[in-house]
Amino acid sequence: MDINEVHRIAKLSRLELSASEAVAVLPQLEAVFALVEQMQAVNTEQIEPLSHPILFIEDLAEPLRVDACTESNAREQNMANAPAQAEGYFLVPRVIE
């Protein structure tokens, strides 16, 4: 990877980098790409995908919070802020004709 590629990636990302910033970012990008290559080299064909990998981390007893309602339905408050409404629903301009 060289500075021209850093500028190309920055342009694709819609970032504007100065010459000194590009020089500073180059080793960081190289490290990221090296890590990606290392991860891609791992053979995972015999590994079954996990639906919730965080649950298999032994140090975490309860990684996910309980799904509980923390706020009541505030439909009236929400509708008060709507520029247009009808029968309890937001009215929006037609997008598809």
PDB file of N, CA and C in Angstrom:
ATOM      1  N   MET A   1       0.854  -1.168   0.000  1.00  0.00           N
ATOM      2  CA  MET A   1       0.000   0.000   0.000  1.00  0.00           C
ATOM      3  C   MET A   1       0.903   1.234   0.000  1.00  0.00           C
ATOM      4  N   ASP A   2       0.470   2.259  -0.719  1.00  0.00           N
ATOM      5  CA  ASP A   2       1.244   3.493  -0.768  1.00  0.00           C
ATOM      6  C   ASP A   2       0.319   4.694  -0.515  1.00  0.00           C
ATOM      7  N   ILE A   3       0.904   5.872  -0.540  1.00  0.00           N
ATOM      8  CA  ILE A   3       0.160   7.103  -0.243  1.00  0.00           C
ATOM      9  C   ILE A   3      -0.967   7.330  -1.241  1.00  0.00           C
ATOM     10  N   ASN A   4      -0.735   6.974  -2.510  1.00  0.00           N
ATOM     11  CA  ASN A   4      -1.794   7.150  -3.512  1.00  0.00           C
ATOM     12  C   ASN A   4      -3.027   6.320  -3.170  1.00  0.00           C
ATOM     13  N   GLU A   5      -2.809   5.100  -2.677  1.00  0.00           N
ATOM     14  CA  GLU A   5      -3.943   4.263  -2.278  1.00  0.00           C
ATOM     15  C   GLU A   5      -4.650   4.839  -1.056  1.00  0.00           C
ATOM     16  N   VAL A   6      -3.890   5.424  -0.143  1.00  0.00           N
ATOM     17  CA  VAL A   6      -4.506   6.069   1.027  1.00  0.00           C
ATOM     18  C   VAL A   6      -5.417   7.199   0.569  1.00  0.00           C
ATOM     19  N   HIS A   7      -4.937   8.011  -0.364  1.00  0.00           N
ATOM     20  CA  HIS A   7      -5.762   9.112  -0.875  1.00  0.00           C
ATOM     21  C   HIS A   7      -6.982   8.581  -1.634  1.00  0.00           C
ATOM     22  N   ARG A   8      -6.816   7.480  -2.377  1.00  0.00           N
ATOM     23  CA  ARG A   8      -7.943   6.888  -3.098  1.00  0.00           C
ATOM     24  C   ARG A   8      -8.999   6.373  -2.117  1.00  0.00           C
ATOM     25  N   ILE A   9      -8.561   5.690  -1.058  1.00  0.00           N
ATOM     26  CA  ILE A   9      -9.492   5.191  -0.040  1.00  0.00           C
ATOM     27  C   ILE A   9     -10.167   6.355   0.671  1.00  0.00           C
ATOM     28  N   ALA A  10      -9.409   7.400   0.964  1.00  0.00           N
ATOM     29  CA  ALA A  10      -9.989   8.581   1.612  1.00  0.00           C
ATOM     30  C   ALA A  10     -11.044   9.217   0.721  1.00  0.00           C
ATOM     31  N   LYS A  11     -10.761   9.293  -0.570  1.00  0.00           N
ATOM     32  CA  LYS A  11     -11.730   9.878  -1.502  1.00  0.00           C
ATOM     33  C   LYS A  11     -12.993   9.029  -1.560  1.00  0.00           C
ATOM     34  N   LEU A  12     -12.838   7.697  -1.633  1.00  0.00           N
ATOM     35  CA  LEU A  12     -14.000   6.809  -1.644  1.00  0.00           C
ATOM     36  C   LEU A  12     -14.811   6.940  -0.355  1.00  0.00           C
ATOM     37  N   SER A  13     -14.119   7.243   0.748  1.00  0.00           N
ATOM     38  CA  SER A  13     -14.776   7.414   2.045  1.00  0.00           C
ATOM     39  C   SER A  13     -15.264   8.835   2.264  1.00  0.00           C
ATOM     40  N   ARG A  14     -15.059   9.664   1.256  1.00  0.00           N
ATOM     41  CA  ARG A  14     -15.425  11.081   1.323  1.00  0.00           C
ATOM     42  C   ARG A  14     -14.732  11.789   2.495  1.00  0.00           C
ATOM     43  N   LEU A  15     -13.442  11.464   2.643  1.00  0.00           N
ATOM     44  CA  LEU A  15     -12.605  12.108   3.649  1.00  0.00           C
ATOM     45  C   LEU A  15     -11.553  12.944   2.944  1.00  0.00           C
ATOM     46  N   GLU A  16     -11.221  14.050   3.541  1.00  0.00           N
ATOM     47  CA  GLU A  16     -10.179  14.908   2.986  1.00  0.00           C
ATOM     48  C   GLU A  16      -8.974  14.829   3.913  1.00  0.00           C
ATOM     49  N   LEU A  17      -7.872  14.262   3.407  1.00  0.00           N
ATOM     50  CA  LEU A  17      -6.661  14.105   4.206  1.00  0.00           C
ATOM     51  C   LEU A  17      -5.550  14.978   3.649  1.00  0.00           C
ATOM     52  N   SER A  18      -4.849  15.647   4.543  1.00  0.00           N
ATOM     53  CA  SER A  18      -3.654  16.374   4.122  1.00  0.00           C
ATOM     54  C   SER A  18      -2.541  15.358   3.892  1.00  0.00           C
ATOM     55  N   ALA A  19      -1.436  15.810   3.328  1.00  0.00           N
ATOM     56  CA  ALA A  19      -0.311  14.909   3.061  1.00  0.00           C
ATOM     57  C   ALA A  19       0.219  14.304   4.356  1.00  0.00           C
ATOM     58  N   SER A  20       0.310  15.114   5.407  1.00  0.00           N
ATOM     59  CA  SER A  20       0.827  14.599   6.683  1.00  0.00           C
ATOM     60  C   SER A  20      -0.158  13.618   7.323  1.00  0.00           C
ATOM     61  N   GLU A  21      -1.457  13.869   7.170  1.00  0.00           N
ATOM     62  CA  GLU A  21      -2.458  12.944   7.709  1.00  0.00           C
ATOM     63  C   GLU A  21      -2.413  11.615   6.961  1.00  0.00           C
ATOM     64  N   ALA A  22      -2.219  11.676   5.649  1.00  0.00           N
ATOM     65  CA  ALA A  22      -2.135  10.449   4.850  1.00  0.00           C
ATOM     66  C   ALA A  22      -0.932   9.613   5.269  1.00  0.00           C
ATOM     67  N   VAL A  23       0.190  10.273   5.533  1.00  0.00           N
ATOM     68  CA  VAL A  23       1.388   9.560   5.988  1.00  0.00           C
ATOM     69  C   VAL A  23       1.124   8.910   7.343  1.00  0.00           C
ATOM     70  N   ALA A  24       0.390   9.598   8.225  1.00  0.00           N
ATOM     71  CA  ALA A  24       0.086   9.050   9.548  1.00  0.00           C
ATOM     72  C   ALA A  24      -0.910   7.894   9.466  1.00  0.00           C
ATOM     73  N   VAL A  25      -1.828   7.949   8.513  1.00  0.00           N
ATOM     74  CA  VAL A  25      -2.868   6.927   8.380  1.00  0.00           C
ATOM     75  C   VAL A  25      -2.339   5.661   7.704  1.00  0.00           C
ATOM     76  N   LEU A  26      -1.326   5.795   6.870  1.00  0.00           N
ATOM     77  CA  LEU A  26      -0.803   4.659   6.107  1.00  0.00           C
ATOM     78  C   LEU A  26      -0.465   3.449   6.984  1.00  0.00           C
ATOM     79  N   PRO A  27       0.334   3.582   8.049  1.00  0.00           N
ATOM     80  CA  PRO A  27       0.632   2.384   8.856  1.00  0.00           C
ATOM     81  C   PRO A  27      -0.603   1.831   9.577  1.00  0.00           C
ATOM     82  N   GLN A  28      -1.550   2.700   9.907  1.00  0.00           N
ATOM     83  CA  GLN A  28      -2.776   2.230  10.554  1.00  0.00           C
ATOM     84  C   GLN A  28      -3.600   1.383   9.588  1.00  0.00           C
ATOM     85  N   LEU A  29      -3.722   1.844   8.349  1.00  0.00           N
ATOM     86  CA  LEU A  29      -4.456   1.071   7.347  1.00  0.00           C
ATOM     87  C   LEU A  29      -3.749  -0.247   7.044  1.00  0.00           C
ATOM     88  N   GLU A  30      -2.432  -0.209   6.964  1.00  0.00           N
ATOM     89  CA  GLU A  30      -1.683  -1.438   6.721  1.00  0.00           C
ATOM     90  C   GLU A  30      -1.918  -2.440   7.839  1.00  0.00           C
ATOM     91  N   ALA A  31      -1.986  -1.963   9.085  1.00  0.00           N
ATOM     92  CA  ALA A  31      -2.240  -2.851  10.222  1.00  0.00           C
ATOM     93  C   ALA A  31      -3.643  -3.446  10.149  1.00  0.00           C
ATOM     94  N   VAL A  32      -4.622  -2.642   9.756  1.00  0.00           N
ATOM     95  CA  VAL A  32      -5.994  -3.136   9.625  1.00  0.00           C
ATOM     96  C   VAL A  32      -6.063  -4.199   8.536  1.00  0.00           C
ATOM     97  N   PHE A  33      -5.466  -3.923   7.382  1.00  0.00           N
ATOM     98  CA  PHE A  33      -5.501  -4.887   6.286  1.00  0.00           C
ATOM     99  C   PHE A  33      -4.731  -6.162   6.640  1.00  0.00           C
ATOM    100  N   ALA A  34      -3.654  -6.037   7.392  1.00  0.00           N
ATOM    101  CA  ALA A  34      -2.911  -7.224   7.826  1.00  0.00           C
ATOM    102  C   ALA A  34      -3.773  -8.073   8.754  1.00  0.00           C
ATOM    103  N   LEU A  35      -4.525  -7.431   9.629  1.00  0.00           N
ATOM    104  CA  LEU A  35      -5.422  -8.159  10.527  1.00  0.00           C
ATOM    105  C   LEU A  35      -6.526  -8.859   9.741  1.00  0.00           C
ATOM    106  N   VAL A  36      -7.077  -8.183   8.748  1.00  0.00           N
ATOM    107  CA  VAL A  36      -8.120  -8.788   7.911  1.00  0.00           C
ATOM    108  C   VAL A  36      -7.559  -9.998   7.169  1.00  0.00           C
ATOM    109  N   GLU A  37      -6.365  -9.879   6.623  1.00  0.00           N
ATOM    110  CA  GLU A  37      -5.742 -11.010   5.929  1.00  0.00           C
ATOM    111  C   GLU A  37      -5.514 -12.177   6.883  1.00  0.00           C
ATOM    112  N   GLN A  38      -5.089 -11.867   8.104  1.00  0.00           N
ATOM    113  CA  GLN A  38      -4.868 -12.908   9.101  1.00  0.00           C
ATOM    114  C   GLN A  38      -6.186 -13.606   9.448  1.00  0.00           C
ATOM    115  N   MET A  39      -7.261 -12.847   9.568  1.00  0.00           N
ATOM    116  CA  MET A  39      -8.564 -13.431   9.880  1.00  0.00           C
ATOM    117  C   MET A  39      -9.084 -14.264   8.712  1.00  0.00           C
ATOM    118  N   GLN A  40      -8.849 -13.810   7.489  1.00  0.00           N
ATOM    119  CA  GLN A  40      -9.304 -14.553   6.318  1.00  0.00           C
ATOM    120  C   GLN A  40      -8.533 -15.855   6.136  1.00  0.00           C
ATOM    121  N   ALA A  41      -7.335 -15.937   6.673  1.00  0.00           N
ATOM    122  CA  ALA A  41      -6.516 -17.135   6.534  1.00  0.00           C
ATOM    123  C   ALA A  41      -6.985 -18.268   7.443  1.00  0.00           C
ATOM    124  N   VAL A  42      -7.805 -17.967   8.426  1.00  0.00           N
ATOM    125  CA  VAL A  42      -8.285 -18.987   9.363  1.00  0.00           C
ATOM    126  C   VAL A  42      -9.318 -19.869   8.668  1.00  0.00           C
ATOM    127  N   ASN A  43      -9.128 -21.176   8.774  1.00  0.00           N
ATOM    128  CA  ASN A  43     -10.063 -22.130   8.182  1.00  0.00           C
ATOM    129  C   ASN A  43     -11.251 -22.309   9.130  1.00  0.00           C
ATOM    130  N   THR A  44     -12.416 -21.856   8.700  1.00  0.00           N
ATOM    131  CA  THR A  44     -13.622 -21.947   9.534  1.00  0.00           C
ATOM    132  C   THR A  44     -14.678 -22.859   8.916  1.00  0.00           C
ATOM    133  N   GLU A  45     -14.277 -23.704   7.970  1.00  0.00           N
ATOM    134  CA  GLU A  45     -15.248 -24.557   7.283  1.00  0.00           C
ATOM    135  C   GLU A  45     -15.944 -25.527   8.228  1.00  0.00           C
ATOM    136  N   GLN A  46     -15.249 -26.038   9.225  1.00  0.00           N
ATOM    137  CA  GLN A  46     -15.833 -27.018  10.145  1.00  0.00           C
ATOM    138  C   GLN A  46     -16.435 -26.368  11.390  1.00  0.00           C
ATOM    139  N   ILE A  47     -16.470 -25.042  11.434  1.00  0.00           N
ATOM    140  CA  ILE A  47     -16.997 -24.314  12.591  1.00  0.00           C
ATOM    141  C   ILE A  47     -18.440 -23.934  12.324  1.00  0.00           C
ATOM    142  N   GLU A  48     -19.318 -24.297  13.251  1.00  0.00           N
ATOM    143  CA  GLU A  48     -20.729 -23.951  13.108  1.00  0.00           C
ATOM    144  C   GLU A  48     -20.934 -22.488  13.498  1.00  0.00           C
ATOM    145  N   PRO A  49     -21.641 -21.725  12.680  1.00  0.00           N
ATOM    146  CA  PRO A  49     -21.891 -20.317  13.016  1.00  0.00           C
ATOM    147  C   PRO A  49     -22.684 -20.194  14.317  1.00  0.00           C
ATOM    148  N   LEU A  50     -22.397 -19.141  15.067  1.00  0.00           N
ATOM    149  CA  LEU A  50     -23.093 -18.895  16.328  1.00  0.00           C
ATOM    150  C   LEU A  50     -24.143 -17.820  16.128  1.00  0.00           C
ATOM    151  N   SER A  51     -25.309 -18.024  16.705  1.00  0.00           N
ATOM    152  CA  SER A  51     -26.341 -16.996  16.600  1.00  0.00           C
ATOM    153  C   SER A  51     -26.066 -15.849  17.563  1.00  0.00           C
ATOM    154  N   HIS A  52     -25.477 -16.154  18.721  1.00  0.00           N
ATOM    155  CA  HIS A  52     -25.145 -15.134  19.716  1.00  0.00           C
ATOM    156  C   HIS A  52     -23.762 -15.442  20.284  1.00  0.00           C
ATOM    157  N   PRO A  53     -22.693 -15.081  19.575  1.00  0.00           N
ATOM    158  CA  PRO A  53     -21.350 -15.431  20.041  1.00  0.00           C
ATOM    159  C   PRO A  53     -21.014 -14.876  21.413  1.00  0.00           C
ATOM    160  N   ILE A  54     -21.609 -13.753  21.791  1.00  0.00           N
ATOM    161  CA  ILE A  54     -21.295 -13.142  23.089  1.00  0.00           C
ATOM    162  C   ILE A  54     -21.698 -14.065  24.233  1.00  0.00           C
ATOM    163  N   LEU A  55     -22.692 -14.919  24.026  1.00  0.00           N
ATOM    164  CA  LEU A  55     -23.142 -15.821  25.084  1.00  0.00           C
ATOM    165  C   LEU A  55     -22.102 -16.879  25.421  1.00  0.00           C
ATOM    166  N   PHE A  56     -21.138 -17.100  24.536  1.00  0.00           N
ATOM    167  CA  PHE A  56     -20.147 -18.135  24.760  1.00  0.00           C
ATOM    168  C   PHE A  56     -18.864 -17.600  25.391  1.00  0.00           C
ATOM    169  N   ILE A  57     -18.850 -16.342  25.754  1.00  0.00           N
ATOM    170  CA  ILE A  57     -17.710 -15.775  26.472  1.00  0.00           C
ATOM    171  C   ILE A  57     -17.900 -16.121  27.942  1.00  0.00           C
ATOM    172  N   GLU A  58     -16.967 -16.861  28.508  1.00  0.00           N
ATOM    173  CA  GLU A  58     -17.133 -17.388  29.858  1.00  0.00           C
ATOM    174  C   GLU A  58     -17.150 -16.312  30.933  1.00  0.00           C
ATOM    175  N   ASP A  59     -16.476 -15.195  30.711  1.00  0.00           N
ATOM    176  CA  ASP A  59     -16.386 -14.161  31.740  1.00  0.00           C
ATOM    177  C   ASP A  59     -17.685 -13.386  31.908  1.00  0.00           C
ATOM    178  N   LEU A  60     -18.569 -13.478  30.948  1.00  0.00           N
ATOM    179  CA  LEU A  60     -19.808 -12.721  31.012  1.00  0.00           C
ATOM    180  C   LEU A  60     -20.946 -13.635  31.444  1.00  0.00           C
ATOM    181  N   ALA A  61     -21.433 -13.417  32.656  1.00  0.00           N
ATOM    182  CA  ALA A  61     -22.515 -14.258  33.161  1.00  0.00           C
ATOM    183  C   ALA A  61     -23.838 -13.883  32.511  1.00  0.00           C
ATOM    184  N   GLU A  62     -24.121 -12.600  32.420  1.00  0.00           N
ATOM    185  CA  GLU A  62     -25.388 -12.120  31.855  1.00  0.00           C
ATOM    186  C   GLU A  62     -25.084 -10.975  30.900  1.00  0.00           C
ATOM    187  N   PRO A  63     -24.665 -11.276  29.666  1.00  0.00           N
ATOM    188  CA  PRO A  63     -24.237 -10.212  28.760  1.00  0.00           C
ATOM    189  C   PRO A  63     -25.369  -9.355  28.216  1.00  0.00           C
ATOM    190  N   LEU A  64     -26.581  -9.896  28.166  1.00  0.00           N
ATOM    191  CA  LEU A  64     -27.690  -9.153  27.588  1.00  0.00           C
ATOM    192  C   LEU A  64     -28.632  -8.685  28.682  1.00  0.00           C
ATOM    193  N   ARG A  65     -29.156  -7.494  28.529  1.00  0.00           N
ATOM    194  CA  ARG A  65     -30.085  -6.969  29.527  1.00  0.00           C
ATOM    195  C   ARG A  65     -31.456  -7.588  29.335  1.00  0.00           C
ATOM    196  N   VAL A  66     -32.253  -7.508  30.362  1.00  0.00           N
ATOM    197  CA  VAL A  66     -33.624  -7.989  30.291  1.00  0.00           C
ATOM    198  C   VAL A  66     -34.421  -7.039  29.412  1.00  0.00           C
ATOM    199  N   ASP A  67     -35.231  -7.578  28.542  1.00  0.00           N
ATOM    200  CA  ASP A  67     -36.058  -6.767  27.662  1.00  0.00           C
ATOM    201  C   ASP A  67     -37.269  -6.287  28.451  1.00  0.00           C
ATOM    202  N   ALA A  68     -37.217  -5.040  28.883  1.00  0.00           N
ATOM    203  CA  ALA A  68     -38.293  -4.499  29.707  1.00  0.00           C
ATOM    204  C   ALA A  68     -38.685  -3.126  29.192  1.00  0.00           C
ATOM    205  N   CYS A  69     -39.954  -2.819  29.292  1.00  0.00           N
ATOM    206  CA  CYS A  69     -40.461  -1.512  28.886  1.00  0.00           C
ATOM    207  C   CYS A  69     -39.996  -0.469  29.895  1.00  0.00           C
ATOM    208  N   THR A  70     -39.327   0.570  29.430  1.00  0.00           N
ATOM    209  CA  THR A  70     -38.839   1.608  30.336  1.00  0.00           C
ATOM    210  C   THR A  70     -39.618   2.904  30.204  1.00  0.00           C
ATOM    211  N   GLU A  71     -40.361   3.044  29.104  1.00  0.00           N
ATOM    212  CA  GLU A  71     -41.160   4.246  28.899  1.00  0.00           C
ATOM    213  C   GLU A  71     -42.557   3.842  28.463  1.00  0.00           C
ATOM    214  N   SER A  72     -43.517   4.611  28.911  1.00  0.00           N
ATOM    215  CA  SER A  72     -44.885   4.310  28.509  1.00  0.00           C
ATOM    216  C   SER A  72     -45.145   4.861  27.110  1.00  0.00           C
ATOM    217  N   ASN A  73     -46.251   4.465  26.542  1.00  0.00           N
ATOM    218  CA  ASN A  73     -46.642   4.941  25.222  1.00  0.00           C
ATOM    219  C   ASN A  73     -46.950   6.434  25.310  1.00  0.00           C
ATOM    220  N   ALA A  74     -46.223   7.237  24.572  1.00  0.00           N
ATOM    221  CA  ALA A  74     -46.390   8.692  24.620  1.00  0.00           C
ATOM    222  C   ALA A  74     -46.936   9.186  23.287  1.00  0.00           C
ATOM    223  N   ARG A  75     -47.956   8.522  22.775  1.00  0.00           N
ATOM    224  CA  ARG A  75     -48.493   8.859  21.456  1.00  0.00           C
ATOM    225  C   ARG A  75     -48.948  10.317  21.393  1.00  0.00           C
ATOM    226  N   GLU A  76     -49.632  10.790  22.422  1.00  0.00           N
ATOM    227  CA  GLU A  76     -50.131  12.170  22.401  1.00  0.00           C
ATOM    228  C   GLU A  76     -48.978  13.170  22.328  1.00  0.00           C
ATOM    229  N   GLN A  77     -47.924  12.917  23.088  1.00  0.00           N
ATOM    230  CA  GLN A  77     -46.763  13.811  23.052  1.00  0.00           C
ATOM    231  C   GLN A  77     -46.104  13.776  21.672  1.00  0.00           C
ATOM    232  N   ASN A  78     -45.971  12.597  21.113  1.00  0.00           N
ATOM    233  CA  ASN A  78     -45.355  12.478  19.792  1.00  0.00           C
ATOM    234  C   ASN A  78     -46.200  13.162  18.727  1.00  0.00           C
ATOM    235  N   MET A  79     -47.499  12.971  18.792  1.00  0.00           N
ATOM    236  CA  MET A  79     -48.378  13.562  17.788  1.00  0.00           C
ATOM    237  C   MET A  79     -48.419  15.086  17.920  1.00  0.00           C
ATOM    238  N   ALA A  80     -48.195  15.600  19.113  1.00  0.00           N
ATOM    239  CA  ALA A  80     -48.183  17.051  19.307  1.00  0.00           C
ATOM    240  C   ALA A  80     -47.041  17.694  18.527  1.00  0.00           C
ATOM    241  N   ASN A  81     -45.976  16.942  18.289  1.00  0.00           N
ATOM    242  CA  ASN A  81     -44.827  17.463  17.548  1.00  0.00           C
ATOM    243  C   ASN A  81     -44.940  17.248  16.043  1.00  0.00           C
ATOM    244  N   ALA A  82     -45.959  16.535  15.604  1.00  0.00           N
ATOM    245  CA  ALA A  82     -46.099  16.218  14.182  1.00  0.00           C
ATOM    246  C   ALA A  82     -46.621  17.414  13.407  1.00  0.00           C
ATOM    247  N   PRO A  83     -46.020  17.721  12.257  1.00  0.00           N
ATOM    248  CA  PRO A  83     -46.528  18.828  11.448  1.00  0.00           C
ATOM    249  C   PRO A  83     -47.890  18.509  10.838  1.00  0.00           C
ATOM    250  N   ALA A  84     -48.151  17.215  10.573  1.00  0.00           N
ATOM    251  CA  ALA A  84     -49.450  16.813  10.025  1.00  0.00           C
ATOM    252  C   ALA A  84     -49.793  15.430  10.563  1.00  0.00           C
ATOM    253  N   GLN A  85     -51.073  15.233  10.902  1.00  0.00           N
ATOM    254  CA  GLN A  85     -51.505  13.952  11.450  1.00  0.00           C
ATOM    255  C   GLN A  85     -52.969  13.715  11.106  1.00  0.00           C
ATOM    256  N   ALA A  86     -53.354  12.448  11.150  1.00  0.00           N
ATOM    257  CA  ALA A  86     -54.751  12.088  10.933  1.00  0.00           C
ATOM    258  C   ALA A  86     -55.016  10.749  11.604  1.00  0.00           C
ATOM    259  N   GLU A  87     -56.043  10.687  12.400  1.00  0.00           N
ATOM    260  CA  GLU A  87     -56.478   9.468  13.081  1.00  0.00           C
ATOM    261  C   GLU A  87     -55.347   8.801  13.859  1.00  0.00           C
ATOM    262  N   GLY A  88     -54.504   9.595  14.492  1.00  0.00           N
ATOM    263  CA  GLY A  88     -53.425   9.058  15.310  1.00  0.00           C
ATOM    264  C   GLY A  88     -52.188   8.625  14.549  1.00  0.00           C
ATOM    265  N   TYR A  89     -52.095   8.962  13.264  1.00  0.00           N
ATOM    266  CA  TYR A  89     -50.936   8.596  12.453  1.00  0.00           C
ATOM    267  C   TYR A  89     -50.276   9.847  11.890  1.00  0.00           C
ATOM    268  N   PHE A  90     -48.949   9.757  11.677  1.00  0.00           N
ATOM    269  CA  PHE A  90     -48.226  10.843  11.035  1.00  0.00           C
ATOM    270  C   PHE A  90     -48.594  10.886   9.559  1.00  0.00           C
ATOM    271  N   LEU A  91     -48.799  12.074   9.030  1.00  0.00           N
ATOM    272  CA  LEU A  91     -49.007  12.245   7.596  1.00  0.00           C
ATOM    273  C   LEU A  91     -47.705  12.748   6.987  1.00  0.00           C
ATOM    274  N   VAL A  92     -47.298  12.109   5.913  1.00  0.00           N
ATOM    275  CA  VAL A  92     -46.070  12.506   5.224  1.00  0.00           C
ATOM    276  C   VAL A  92     -46.389  12.730   3.756  1.00  0.00           C
ATOM    277  N   PRO A  93     -45.593  13.539   3.069  1.00  0.00           N
ATOM    278  CA  PRO A  93     -45.838  13.752   1.642  1.00  0.00           C
ATOM    279  C   PRO A  93     -45.698  12.442   0.861  1.00  0.00           C
ATOM    280  N   ARG A  94     -46.467  12.318  -0.210  1.00  0.00           N
ATOM    281  CA  ARG A  94     -46.400  11.132  -1.061  1.00  0.00           C
ATOM    282  C   ARG A  94     -45.018  11.065  -1.700  1.00  0.00           C
ATOM    283  N   VAL A  95     -44.402   9.901  -1.620  1.00  0.00           N
ATOM    284  CA  VAL A  95     -43.071   9.704  -2.175  1.00  0.00           C
ATOM    285  C   VAL A  95     -43.152   9.012  -3.529  1.00  0.00           C
ATOM    286  N   ILE A  96     -44.025   8.033  -3.643  1.00  0.00           N
ATOM    287  CA  ILE A  96     -44.187   7.280  -4.884  1.00  0.00           C
ATOM    288  C   ILE A  96     -45.523   7.653  -5.489  1.00  0.00           C
ATOM    289  N   GLU A  97     -45.513   7.968  -6.765  1.00  0.00           N
ATOM    290  CA  GLU A  97     -46.766   8.335  -7.429  1.00  0.00           C
ATOM    291  C   GLU A  97     -47.267   7.227  -8.308  1.00  0.00           C
TER     292      GLU A  97
END
